[in-house]
N, C-alpha and C. Protein backbone atom coordinates (compact mmCIF):
# COMPACT_ATOMS: atom_id res chain seq x y z
N MET A 1 0.83 -1.19 0.00
CA MET A 1 0.00 0.00 0.00
C MET A 1 0.87 1.26 0.00
N LEU A 2 1.85 1.31 0.91
CA LEU A 2 2.74 2.46 0.99
C LEU A 2 3.50 2.65 -0.32
N LYS A 3 3.89 1.54 -0.92
CA LYS A 3 4.62 1.59 -2.18
C LYS A 3 3.78 2.24 -3.28
N SER A 4 2.50 1.89 -3.35
CA SER A 4 1.63 2.47 -4.38
C SER A 4 1.36 3.95 -4.12
N ILE A 5 1.26 4.34 -2.86
CA ILE A 5 1.08 5.76 -2.53
C ILE A 5 2.31 6.56 -2.95
N LEU A 6 3.50 6.05 -2.65
CA LEU A 6 4.73 6.74 -3.04
C LEU A 6 4.88 6.81 -4.55
N LEU A 7 4.51 5.75 -5.25
CA LEU A 7 4.60 5.73 -6.71
C LEU A 7 3.63 6.75 -7.30
N THR A 8 2.40 6.81 -6.78
CA THR A 8 1.43 7.79 -7.25
C THR A 8 1.94 9.21 -7.02
N GLY A 9 2.49 9.47 -5.84
CA GLY A 9 3.06 10.79 -5.55
C GLY A 9 4.18 11.15 -6.51
N ALA A 10 5.05 10.20 -6.82
CA ALA A 10 6.16 10.44 -7.75
C ALA A 10 5.64 10.75 -9.14
N ILE A 11 4.60 10.06 -9.58
CA ILE A 11 4.02 10.33 -10.91
C ILE A 11 3.42 11.72 -10.96
N VAL A 12 2.69 12.10 -9.90
CA VAL A 12 2.09 13.44 -9.86
C VAL A 12 3.16 14.51 -9.88
N LEU A 13 4.19 14.36 -9.05
CA LEU A 13 5.25 15.36 -9.00
C LEU A 13 6.01 15.43 -10.32
N THR A 14 6.22 14.31 -10.99
CA THR A 14 6.90 14.31 -12.27
C THR A 14 6.09 15.04 -13.32
N SER A 15 4.75 14.90 -13.28
CA SER A 15 3.92 15.56 -14.28
C SER A 15 4.02 17.07 -14.17
N PHE A 16 4.28 17.58 -12.98
CA PHE A 16 4.38 19.03 -12.81
C PHE A 16 5.76 19.56 -13.21
N SER A 17 6.77 18.73 -13.24
CA SER A 17 8.11 19.23 -13.54
C SER A 17 8.28 19.61 -15.00
N ALA A 18 7.35 19.21 -15.87
CA ALA A 18 7.44 19.54 -17.29
C ALA A 18 6.86 20.91 -17.58
N ASN A 19 6.49 21.65 -16.55
CA ASN A 19 5.90 22.97 -16.70
C ASN A 19 6.89 23.92 -17.38
N SER A 20 6.42 24.68 -18.37
CA SER A 20 7.34 25.55 -19.10
C SER A 20 7.03 27.02 -18.87
N ALA A 21 6.93 27.42 -17.63
CA ALA A 21 6.69 28.81 -17.28
C ALA A 21 8.01 29.56 -17.21
N GLU A 22 7.97 30.81 -17.57
CA GLU A 22 9.12 31.70 -17.46
C GLU A 22 8.79 32.72 -16.37
N LEU A 23 9.56 32.73 -15.29
CA LEU A 23 9.32 33.68 -14.20
C LEU A 23 9.68 35.08 -14.68
N ILE A 24 8.72 35.99 -14.60
CA ILE A 24 8.93 37.38 -15.00
C ILE A 24 9.39 38.22 -13.81
N GLY A 25 8.78 38.00 -12.65
CA GLY A 25 9.16 38.75 -11.46
C GLY A 25 8.26 38.41 -10.29
N SER A 26 8.54 39.01 -9.15
CA SER A 26 7.72 38.78 -7.96
C SER A 26 7.75 40.00 -7.05
N VAL A 27 6.73 40.08 -6.19
CA VAL A 27 6.60 41.17 -5.22
C VAL A 27 6.21 40.55 -3.88
N ASP A 28 6.95 40.90 -2.82
CA ASP A 28 6.60 40.41 -1.48
C ASP A 28 5.31 41.07 -1.02
N THR A 29 4.44 40.26 -0.39
CA THR A 29 3.17 40.79 0.11
C THR A 29 3.06 40.71 1.63
N ALA A 30 3.84 39.84 2.26
CA ALA A 30 3.83 39.71 3.72
C ALA A 30 5.20 39.21 4.17
N LYS A 31 5.71 39.80 5.22
CA LYS A 31 7.00 39.39 5.77
C LYS A 31 6.80 38.22 6.73
N ASN A 32 7.70 37.26 6.67
CA ASN A 32 7.67 36.11 7.59
C ASN A 32 8.98 36.08 8.36
N LEU A 33 8.89 35.83 9.65
CA LEU A 33 10.09 35.74 10.48
C LEU A 33 10.91 34.51 10.13
N LEU A 34 10.23 33.42 9.84
CA LEU A 34 10.91 32.18 9.48
C LEU A 34 10.56 31.81 8.04
N GLY A 35 11.55 31.61 7.22
CA GLY A 35 11.31 31.20 5.84
C GLY A 35 11.06 32.39 4.92
N PRO A 36 10.82 32.11 3.65
CA PRO A 36 10.63 33.18 2.68
C PRO A 36 9.32 33.93 2.91
N ASN A 37 9.25 35.14 2.38
CA ASN A 37 8.06 35.97 2.50
C ASN A 37 6.96 35.45 1.57
N ASP A 38 5.69 35.76 1.92
CA ASP A 38 4.59 35.51 1.00
C ASP A 38 4.79 36.48 -0.16
N LYS A 39 4.37 36.07 -1.35
CA LYS A 39 4.58 36.95 -2.51
C LYS A 39 3.56 36.68 -3.59
N VAL A 40 3.54 37.56 -4.55
CA VAL A 40 2.80 37.37 -5.79
C VAL A 40 3.85 37.27 -6.88
N ILE A 41 3.77 36.21 -7.67
CA ILE A 41 4.72 36.03 -8.77
C ILE A 41 3.99 36.20 -10.10
N VAL A 42 4.74 36.61 -11.11
CA VAL A 42 4.22 36.73 -12.47
C VAL A 42 5.04 35.81 -13.35
N GLU A 43 4.33 34.92 -14.07
CA GLU A 43 4.98 33.96 -14.96
C GLU A 43 4.40 34.10 -16.37
N ARG A 44 5.22 33.78 -17.36
CA ARG A 44 4.76 33.78 -18.76
C ARG A 44 4.68 32.35 -19.24
N TYR A 45 3.57 32.03 -19.90
CA TYR A 45 3.36 30.73 -20.52
C TYR A 45 3.14 30.97 -22.01
N ASP A 46 3.93 30.34 -22.85
CA ASP A 46 3.77 30.46 -24.30
C ASP A 46 2.93 29.30 -24.79
N ASP A 47 1.92 29.59 -25.61
CA ASP A 47 1.06 28.53 -26.15
C ASP A 47 1.91 27.66 -27.07
N PRO A 48 1.96 26.35 -26.82
CA PRO A 48 2.82 25.48 -27.63
C PRO A 48 2.31 25.24 -29.05
N ASP A 49 1.02 25.51 -29.30
CA ASP A 49 0.44 25.25 -30.61
C ASP A 49 0.19 26.50 -31.45
N ILE A 50 0.21 27.66 -30.80
CA ILE A 50 -0.05 28.92 -31.50
C ILE A 50 1.14 29.84 -31.25
N LYS A 51 1.97 29.97 -32.27
CA LYS A 51 3.21 30.74 -32.13
C LYS A 51 2.89 32.22 -31.91
N ASN A 52 3.58 32.81 -30.94
CA ASN A 52 3.48 34.23 -30.59
C ASN A 52 2.22 34.60 -29.81
N VAL A 53 1.64 33.64 -29.11
CA VAL A 53 0.60 33.93 -28.13
C VAL A 53 1.17 33.55 -26.77
N SER A 54 1.21 34.52 -25.87
CA SER A 54 1.74 34.31 -24.52
C SER A 54 0.69 34.72 -23.50
N CYS A 55 0.64 33.98 -22.41
CA CYS A 55 -0.26 34.29 -21.31
C CYS A 55 0.58 34.62 -20.08
N TYR A 56 0.22 35.68 -19.42
CA TYR A 56 0.90 36.12 -18.21
C TYR A 56 -0.03 35.84 -17.03
N VAL A 57 0.46 35.06 -16.08
CA VAL A 57 -0.33 34.67 -14.93
C VAL A 57 0.32 35.22 -13.67
N SER A 58 -0.47 35.93 -12.86
CA SER A 58 0.01 36.33 -11.53
C SER A 58 -0.69 35.42 -10.53
N ARG A 59 0.07 34.99 -9.52
CA ARG A 59 -0.51 34.10 -8.52
C ARG A 59 0.16 34.27 -7.17
N ALA A 60 -0.59 33.94 -6.12
CA ALA A 60 -0.09 34.04 -4.76
C ALA A 60 0.78 32.83 -4.45
N VAL A 61 1.90 33.08 -3.76
CA VAL A 61 2.78 32.01 -3.30
C VAL A 61 2.98 32.20 -1.79
N THR A 62 2.62 31.17 -1.03
CA THR A 62 2.72 31.21 0.42
C THR A 62 4.16 30.96 0.84
N GLY A 63 4.67 31.79 1.72
CA GLY A 63 6.04 31.64 2.22
C GLY A 63 6.05 30.98 3.58
N GLY A 64 6.95 31.43 4.42
CA GLY A 64 7.02 30.93 5.79
C GLY A 64 7.79 29.63 5.90
N LEU A 65 7.76 29.10 7.10
CA LEU A 65 8.49 27.87 7.41
C LEU A 65 7.97 26.70 6.58
N ALA A 66 6.65 26.62 6.38
CA ALA A 66 6.07 25.53 5.59
C ALA A 66 6.62 25.54 4.17
N ASN A 67 6.83 26.72 3.60
CA ASN A 67 7.41 26.83 2.26
C ASN A 67 8.85 26.32 2.26
N SER A 68 9.58 26.65 3.32
CA SER A 68 10.99 26.25 3.41
C SER A 68 11.17 24.74 3.37
N ILE A 69 10.21 24.02 3.96
CA ILE A 69 10.35 22.56 3.97
C ILE A 69 9.46 21.90 2.91
N GLY A 70 8.81 22.72 2.07
CA GLY A 70 8.09 22.20 0.92
C GLY A 70 6.69 21.67 1.18
N ILE A 71 6.04 22.12 2.25
CA ILE A 71 4.70 21.59 2.52
C ILE A 71 3.64 22.69 2.54
N SER A 72 3.95 23.89 2.08
CA SER A 72 2.96 24.97 2.09
C SER A 72 1.93 24.74 0.99
N GLU A 73 0.79 25.40 1.13
CA GLU A 73 -0.26 25.34 0.11
C GLU A 73 -0.58 26.78 -0.30
N ASP A 74 -0.41 27.06 -1.58
CA ASP A 74 -0.70 28.40 -2.09
C ASP A 74 -2.20 28.63 -2.17
N ARG A 75 -2.60 29.87 -1.92
CA ARG A 75 -4.00 30.23 -2.02
C ARG A 75 -4.45 30.18 -3.48
N SER A 76 -5.72 29.96 -3.69
CA SER A 76 -6.27 29.93 -5.05
C SER A 76 -6.62 31.35 -5.49
N ARG A 77 -5.60 32.15 -5.66
CA ARG A 77 -5.76 33.54 -6.09
C ARG A 77 -4.84 33.76 -7.27
N PHE A 78 -5.40 34.11 -8.42
CA PHE A 78 -4.59 34.28 -9.62
C PHE A 78 -5.33 35.13 -10.64
N SER A 79 -4.59 35.61 -11.62
CA SER A 79 -5.13 36.42 -12.70
C SER A 79 -4.37 36.06 -13.97
N ILE A 80 -5.01 36.22 -15.13
CA ILE A 80 -4.38 35.89 -16.40
C ILE A 80 -4.65 36.98 -17.43
N ALA A 81 -3.66 37.25 -18.26
CA ALA A 81 -3.81 38.15 -19.41
C ALA A 81 -3.02 37.54 -20.57
N CYS A 82 -3.69 37.29 -21.69
CA CYS A 82 -3.04 36.68 -22.85
C CYS A 82 -2.99 37.70 -23.99
N ARG A 83 -1.87 37.69 -24.71
CA ARG A 83 -1.65 38.67 -25.78
C ARG A 83 -0.91 38.04 -26.94
N ALA A 84 -1.11 38.63 -28.10
CA ALA A 84 -0.28 38.31 -29.26
C ALA A 84 1.02 39.07 -29.06
N THR A 85 2.13 38.37 -29.13
CA THR A 85 3.44 39.01 -28.92
C THR A 85 4.19 39.17 -30.24
N GLY A 86 3.51 38.92 -31.33
CA GLY A 86 4.08 39.01 -32.68
C GLY A 86 3.05 38.47 -33.64
N LYS A 87 3.45 38.27 -34.87
CA LYS A 87 2.53 37.70 -35.86
C LYS A 87 2.22 36.25 -35.45
N ILE A 88 0.92 35.96 -35.38
CA ILE A 88 0.49 34.65 -34.91
C ILE A 88 0.52 33.64 -36.06
N TYR A 89 1.11 32.48 -35.77
CA TYR A 89 1.13 31.37 -36.71
C TYR A 89 0.47 30.19 -36.04
N TYR A 90 -0.46 29.56 -36.76
CA TYR A 90 -1.14 28.40 -36.20
C TYR A 90 -1.73 27.56 -37.31
N ASN A 91 -2.01 26.31 -36.99
CA ASN A 91 -2.71 25.39 -37.87
C ASN A 91 -3.98 25.01 -37.13
N VAL A 92 -5.14 25.31 -37.70
CA VAL A 92 -6.41 25.07 -37.02
C VAL A 92 -6.54 23.62 -36.57
N SER A 93 -6.00 22.69 -37.34
CA SER A 93 -6.11 21.28 -36.96
C SER A 93 -5.31 20.95 -35.70
N ASP A 94 -4.34 21.81 -35.35
CA ASP A 94 -3.55 21.60 -34.13
C ASP A 94 -4.25 22.13 -32.88
N ILE A 95 -5.28 22.95 -33.08
CA ILE A 95 -5.97 23.56 -31.95
C ILE A 95 -7.14 22.67 -31.55
N LYS A 96 -6.96 21.92 -30.50
CA LYS A 96 -8.02 21.05 -30.00
C LYS A 96 -9.08 21.90 -29.29
N LYS A 97 -10.29 21.38 -29.21
CA LYS A 97 -11.39 22.13 -28.62
C LYS A 97 -11.06 22.61 -27.20
N ASP A 98 -10.74 21.69 -26.32
CA ASP A 98 -10.35 22.03 -24.95
C ASP A 98 -9.06 21.28 -24.65
N LYS A 99 -8.05 22.00 -24.20
CA LYS A 99 -6.77 21.36 -23.93
C LYS A 99 -6.13 21.97 -22.70
N ILE A 100 -5.70 21.12 -21.78
CA ILE A 100 -4.93 21.62 -20.64
C ILE A 100 -3.52 21.91 -21.16
N LEU A 101 -3.14 23.19 -21.12
CA LEU A 101 -1.83 23.59 -21.64
C LEU A 101 -0.74 23.46 -20.60
N PHE A 102 -1.04 23.89 -19.38
CA PHE A 102 -0.01 23.93 -18.35
C PHE A 102 -0.62 23.57 -17.00
N ARG A 103 0.23 23.01 -16.15
CA ARG A 103 -0.11 22.73 -14.75
C ARG A 103 1.04 23.23 -13.90
N SER A 104 0.69 23.87 -12.81
CA SER A 104 1.71 24.33 -11.88
C SER A 104 1.32 23.86 -10.49
N LYS A 105 2.22 23.16 -9.84
CA LYS A 105 1.97 22.63 -8.49
C LYS A 105 1.84 23.78 -7.50
N THR A 106 0.77 23.75 -6.70
CA THR A 106 0.57 24.81 -5.71
C THR A 106 0.49 24.27 -4.28
N SER A 107 0.73 22.99 -4.12
CA SER A 107 0.86 22.41 -2.79
C SER A 107 1.65 21.12 -2.91
N PHE A 108 2.09 20.61 -1.77
CA PHE A 108 2.88 19.38 -1.77
C PHE A 108 2.06 18.21 -2.30
N PHE A 109 0.77 18.17 -1.92
CA PHE A 109 -0.08 17.07 -2.35
C PHE A 109 -1.28 17.55 -3.16
N PHE A 110 -1.37 17.18 -4.39
CA PHE A 110 -2.59 17.16 -5.19
C PHE A 110 -3.34 18.48 -5.37
N LYS A 111 -2.69 19.61 -5.35
CA LYS A 111 -3.36 20.87 -5.68
C LYS A 111 -2.54 21.52 -6.78
N SER A 112 -3.23 22.03 -7.80
CA SER A 112 -2.50 22.64 -8.90
C SER A 112 -3.29 23.78 -9.52
N LEU A 113 -2.55 24.65 -10.18
CA LEU A 113 -3.12 25.71 -11.00
C LEU A 113 -3.06 25.19 -12.43
N ASN A 114 -4.19 25.18 -13.11
CA ASN A 114 -4.26 24.66 -14.47
C ASN A 114 -4.66 25.76 -15.44
N MET A 115 -4.05 25.76 -16.63
CA MET A 115 -4.45 26.66 -17.70
C MET A 115 -5.04 25.80 -18.83
N ILE A 116 -6.28 26.11 -19.19
CA ILE A 116 -6.98 25.34 -20.21
C ILE A 116 -7.28 26.28 -21.38
N ARG A 117 -6.91 25.80 -22.59
CA ARG A 117 -7.22 26.58 -23.80
C ARG A 117 -8.51 26.04 -24.39
N MET A 118 -9.41 26.96 -24.73
CA MET A 118 -10.66 26.60 -25.39
C MET A 118 -10.73 27.35 -26.71
N TYR A 119 -11.15 26.67 -27.75
CA TYR A 119 -11.20 27.27 -29.09
C TYR A 119 -12.65 27.48 -29.49
N ASP A 120 -13.01 28.71 -29.82
CA ASP A 120 -14.33 29.05 -30.32
C ASP A 120 -14.24 29.11 -31.84
N LYS A 121 -14.61 28.02 -32.47
CA LYS A 121 -14.47 27.89 -33.92
C LYS A 121 -15.30 28.94 -34.67
N GLU A 122 -16.47 29.25 -34.14
CA GLU A 122 -17.39 30.19 -34.80
C GLU A 122 -16.78 31.59 -34.92
N THR A 123 -16.08 32.05 -33.88
CA THR A 123 -15.51 33.40 -33.91
C THR A 123 -13.99 33.40 -34.13
N ASN A 124 -13.40 32.20 -34.18
CA ASN A 124 -11.95 32.05 -34.36
C ASN A 124 -11.17 32.76 -33.25
N VAL A 125 -11.61 32.50 -32.03
CA VAL A 125 -11.00 33.09 -30.84
C VAL A 125 -10.57 31.95 -29.92
N VAL A 126 -9.38 32.08 -29.33
CA VAL A 126 -8.96 31.13 -28.31
C VAL A 126 -9.07 31.83 -26.95
N SER A 127 -9.63 31.09 -25.99
CA SER A 127 -9.71 31.64 -24.64
C SER A 127 -8.85 30.76 -23.74
N TYR A 128 -8.30 31.38 -22.72
CA TYR A 128 -7.42 30.72 -21.78
C TYR A 128 -8.03 30.89 -20.39
N LEU A 129 -8.35 29.76 -19.77
CA LEU A 129 -9.00 29.75 -18.47
C LEU A 129 -8.01 29.19 -17.45
N THR A 130 -7.85 29.89 -16.33
CA THR A 130 -7.05 29.35 -15.23
C THR A 130 -7.99 28.97 -14.10
N ILE A 131 -7.77 27.76 -13.56
CA ILE A 131 -8.55 27.27 -12.44
C ILE A 131 -7.62 26.57 -11.45
N SER A 132 -8.09 26.44 -10.25
CA SER A 132 -7.35 25.70 -9.23
C SER A 132 -8.06 24.38 -9.01
N THR A 133 -7.30 23.29 -9.02
CA THR A 133 -7.89 21.98 -8.77
C THR A 133 -7.23 21.36 -7.55
N LYS A 134 -8.00 20.54 -6.87
CA LYS A 134 -7.50 19.85 -5.68
C LYS A 134 -8.17 18.49 -5.66
N LEU A 135 -7.46 17.49 -5.20
CA LEU A 135 -7.96 16.12 -5.23
C LEU A 135 -9.33 16.00 -4.56
N ILE A 136 -9.51 16.60 -3.40
CA ILE A 136 -10.76 16.46 -2.66
C ILE A 136 -11.72 17.60 -2.95
N ASP A 137 -11.24 18.83 -2.84
CA ASP A 137 -12.12 19.99 -2.92
C ASP A 137 -11.47 21.05 -3.78
N GLY A 138 -11.99 21.27 -4.98
CA GLY A 138 -11.45 22.29 -5.88
C GLY A 138 -11.88 23.67 -5.45
N SER A 139 -11.61 24.66 -6.26
CA SER A 139 -11.92 26.03 -5.93
C SER A 139 -12.75 26.66 -7.05
N PRO A 140 -13.72 27.51 -6.71
CA PRO A 140 -14.48 28.18 -7.75
C PRO A 140 -13.73 29.37 -8.36
N TYR A 141 -12.60 29.74 -7.77
CA TYR A 141 -11.86 30.87 -8.32
C TYR A 141 -11.34 30.53 -9.71
N ASN A 142 -11.47 31.50 -10.62
CA ASN A 142 -11.00 31.31 -11.98
C ASN A 142 -10.71 32.66 -12.60
N SER A 143 -9.99 32.64 -13.71
CA SER A 143 -9.69 33.86 -14.43
C SER A 143 -9.64 33.51 -15.91
N LEU A 144 -10.03 34.45 -16.77
CA LEU A 144 -10.16 34.17 -18.20
C LEU A 144 -9.57 35.30 -19.03
N SER A 145 -8.93 34.91 -20.14
CA SER A 145 -8.43 35.88 -21.12
C SER A 145 -8.64 35.27 -22.50
N ALA A 146 -8.74 36.10 -23.53
CA ALA A 146 -8.99 35.59 -24.88
C ALA A 146 -8.14 36.35 -25.90
N VAL A 147 -7.82 35.65 -27.01
CA VAL A 147 -7.04 36.24 -28.10
C VAL A 147 -7.77 35.90 -29.39
N SER A 148 -8.07 36.92 -30.18
CA SER A 148 -8.71 36.72 -31.48
C SER A 148 -7.64 36.30 -32.50
N LEU A 149 -7.91 35.25 -33.23
CA LEU A 149 -7.00 34.82 -34.28
C LEU A 149 -7.37 35.44 -35.63
N ASN A 150 -8.51 36.14 -35.69
CA ASN A 150 -8.97 36.75 -36.93
C ASN A 150 -8.04 37.84 -37.44
N LEU A 151 -7.36 38.50 -36.54
CA LEU A 151 -6.48 39.60 -36.92
C LEU A 151 -5.22 39.12 -37.62
N TYR A 152 -4.97 37.84 -37.57
CA TYR A 152 -3.68 37.32 -38.03
C TYR A 152 -3.81 36.26 -39.12
N LYS A 153 -4.90 36.31 -39.89
CA LYS A 153 -5.08 35.33 -40.97
C LYS A 153 -4.15 35.63 -42.11
């Protein structure tokens, strides 16, 4: 039993290590006597299927002693803004209807921030939704941004 729990944990942690976020910067929001300060970080995620579309996500990161030993849980507070950063190149057949683009671990066990791309074929717009998921109890907090592909045909 213990072996299967450890194996499951290793698989979950491995799936998060493939995250391709680029840290843009951070701002401290609360000072902690022990361990790092609480902060808000800003990361850039580039859409792997649509060249020159980038999403910028700001999210809360919990500091303190729990962060130092790797067991803290980040709050489900985040925001997203997606933009064309150049001429957009894409193949419509590569854009799946709903696709989880990125996952970022936000706690030691089973909580993550997910970015899901949704394609509106009728208007040729891609929307990017960020949500927080947790094994037992997810969060209703979410944030949405959209990029029109019509401008770049």
